[in-house]
Protein backbone atom coordinates (compact mmCIF):
# COMPACT_ATOMS: atom_id res chain seq x y z
CA MET A 1 -22.56 -9.93 18.70
CA PHE A 2 -22.32 -8.77 14.85
CA LYS A 3 -23.97 -11.36 12.61
CA ARG A 4 -22.76 -13.25 9.25
CA ARG A 5 -22.97 -11.31 6.33
CA ASP A 6 -26.18 -13.36 4.80
CA GLU A 7 -27.53 -12.06 7.63
CA VAL A 8 -26.98 -9.00 7.15
CA GLN A 9 -27.91 -8.27 3.64
CA THR A 10 -31.15 -10.54 4.68
CA GLN A 11 -32.01 -7.18 6.99
CA LEU A 12 -31.90 -5.26 3.97
CA PRO A 13 -35.55 -2.77 3.18
CA GLU A 14 -37.74 -4.00 1.67
CA ARG A 15 -38.05 -1.35 -1.01
CA LEU A 16 -34.06 -2.73 -1.95
CA ARG A 17 -34.71 -6.27 -2.16
CA LYS A 18 -37.97 -5.83 -4.43
CA LEU A 19 -35.64 -3.44 -7.34
CA GLY A 20 -35.03 -4.81 -10.67
CA PRO A 21 -31.44 -6.10 -11.70
CA ARG A 22 -29.84 -3.20 -12.45
CA GLN A 23 -31.20 -1.04 -9.49
CA ARG A 24 -29.50 -3.63 -7.61
CA GLN A 25 -26.11 -3.75 -9.30
CA LEU A 26 -26.24 -0.10 -8.69
CA ALA A 27 -26.82 -1.06 -5.03
CA ARG A 28 -24.14 -3.64 -4.68
CA ILE A 29 -21.52 -0.97 -5.97
CA ILE A 30 -22.97 2.07 -3.71
CA LEU A 31 -22.88 -0.84 -0.51
CA LEU A 32 -19.57 -2.41 -1.13
CA ASN A 33 -17.44 1.45 -1.96
CA GLY A 34 -19.74 3.03 1.57
CA GLY A 35 -20.91 5.28 -1.71
CA ALA A 36 -19.92 6.10 -5.37
CA THR A 37 -20.54 8.80 -7.75
CA VAL A 38 -22.34 7.94 -11.05
CA ARG A 39 -18.72 7.76 -12.32
CA ASP A 40 -17.14 4.90 -9.98
CA ILE A 41 -21.02 3.08 -10.52
CA HIS A 42 -20.30 3.19 -14.17
CA ALA A 43 -17.15 2.58 -14.25
CA GLN A 44 -17.65 -0.87 -11.99
CA LEU A 45 -20.60 -2.24 -13.72
CA GLU A 46 -19.62 -5.34 -15.83
CA ASP A 47 -22.22 -4.72 -18.55
CA ALA A 48 -22.07 -0.52 -18.84
CA PRO A 49 -24.25 1.31 -20.90
CA SER A 50 -22.51 3.17 -23.13
CA SER A 51 -22.55 6.85 -21.37
CA VAL A 52 -23.21 7.96 -17.56
CA SER A 53 -26.84 9.67 -18.54
CA VAL A 54 -28.25 6.16 -17.86
CA VAL A 55 -26.84 5.49 -14.66
CA ARG A 56 -27.21 9.21 -13.39
CA ALA A 57 -31.05 8.79 -14.25
CA LEU A 58 -31.21 5.09 -12.67
CA LEU A 59 -29.90 6.83 -9.29
CA LEU A 60 -32.21 9.45 -9.28
CA ARG A 61 -35.01 7.38 -9.68
CA MET A 62 -33.88 4.53 -7.13
CA ALA A 63 -33.38 8.51 -5.06
CA ARG A 64 -36.93 9.21 -5.73
CA LYS A 65 -38.23 5.95 -4.32
CA GLY A 66 -35.94 7.08 -1.00
CA VAL A 67 -33.07 4.03 -1.64
CA VAL A 68 -30.36 6.26 -2.21
CA ARG A 69 -29.49 9.51 -1.13
CA ALA A 70 -26.79 12.44 -3.30
CA ARG A 71 -24.66 14.00 -0.92
CA GLN A 72 -22.34 16.97 -2.09
CA THR A 73 -18.59 15.35 -2.91
CA GLY A 74 -16.80 19.14 -2.92
CA HIS A 75 -15.41 18.61 -5.97
CA HIS A 76 -18.07 20.99 -7.82
CA ARG A 77 -21.40 19.86 -8.54
CA GLU A 78 -20.12 16.04 -8.63
CA LYS A 79 -22.43 13.95 -6.31
CA GLU A 80 -21.84 10.69 -4.04
CA TYR A 81 -24.62 8.52 -4.04
CA VAL A 82 -25.59 6.66 -0.53
CA LEU A 83 -27.34 3.92 0.56
CA ALA A 84 -30.92 5.16 2.45
CA VAL A 85 -30.49 1.95 5.38
CA PRO A 86 -31.70 1.87 8.49
CA ASP A 87 -29.16 2.54 11.48
CA GLU A 88 -28.48 -0.72 12.65
CA THR A 89 -28.20 -1.91 9.33
CA ALA A 90 -25.21 0.45 8.15
CA THR A 91 -23.85 -0.05 11.65
CA LEU A 92 -23.40 -3.81 11.02
CA MET A 93 -22.77 -2.95 6.94
CA ALA A 94 -19.64 -0.81 8.43
CA PHE A 95 -18.19 -3.15 10.63
CA GLU A 96 -17.96 -5.54 7.72
CA ARG A 97 -16.56 -3.45 5.69
CA ILE A 98 -13.98 -2.40 7.78
CA ALA A 99 -12.96 -5.79 9.19
CA ARG A 100 -13.05 -6.72 5.32
CA GLU A 101 -10.54 -3.93 4.17
CA HIS A 102 -8.30 -3.79 7.77
CA PHE A 103 -8.60 -6.62 9.26
CA GLN A 104 -8.40 -9.50 6.16
CA GLY A 105 -11.73 -10.06 6.49
CA SER A 106 -11.99 -11.40 10.30
CA ARG A 107 -14.68 -10.33 12.53
CA GLY A 108 -12.84 -11.91 15.64
CA ARG A 109 -9.54 -9.51 15.04
CA ALA A 110 -11.81 -6.11 14.26
CA ILE A 111 -13.28 -6.74 17.61
CA ALA A 112 -10.03 -7.49 19.68
CA ALA A 113 -9.09 -4.27 17.85
CA LEU A 114 -12.04 -2.41 18.93
CA GLN A 115 -11.83 -4.21 22.46
CA GLU A 116 -8.67 -2.91 22.88
CA LEU A 117 -9.08 0.37 21.71
CA SER A 118 -11.78 0.84 24.76
CA ALA A 119 -9.72 -0.56 26.92
CA ASN A 120 -7.16 2.01 26.49
CA GLU A 121 -9.53 5.21 26.37
CA ASP A 122 -8.11 6.67 29.53
CA ALA A 123 -4.35 6.36 28.07
CA PRO A 124 -3.08 9.20 26.00
CA PHE A 125 -2.58 7.93 22.65
CA ASP A 126 0.86 7.59 21.87
CA ASP A 127 1.33 7.16 17.90
CA SER A 128 5.16 6.47 18.44
CA ARG A 129 3.91 3.05 19.55
CA ARG A 130 1.82 2.15 16.60
CA GLU A 131 3.73 -0.12 13.88
CA VAL A 132 3.31 1.55 10.17
CA ALA A 133 3.40 -1.09 8.14
């Protein structure tokens, strides 16, 4: 079964827990957003440095340590940074994020929706039944 959020966070790689305060802050922003650009991270920092270059330099250090990975966003040379975590941890974090964003934080409702989808797996998809909010 799925674990509580604090249990998921304690399963994060040791190298993430050993980061300095500012790098942990960047990692937290990336985690909560499921990935973020340098500008996104800079905008979300409470005590942001005056330049995005500082954030970029920290992210490059974190990438060298293997904590984050950069991937192209499709917008010119812009990169999105994502945490480099084991598959099981990433799956649990993704589930937590989906439950928080789409099911008002209810893991039970998210699991029920997955079970309903699974039960109807062989039935043809009819989106006319779905209610649009």
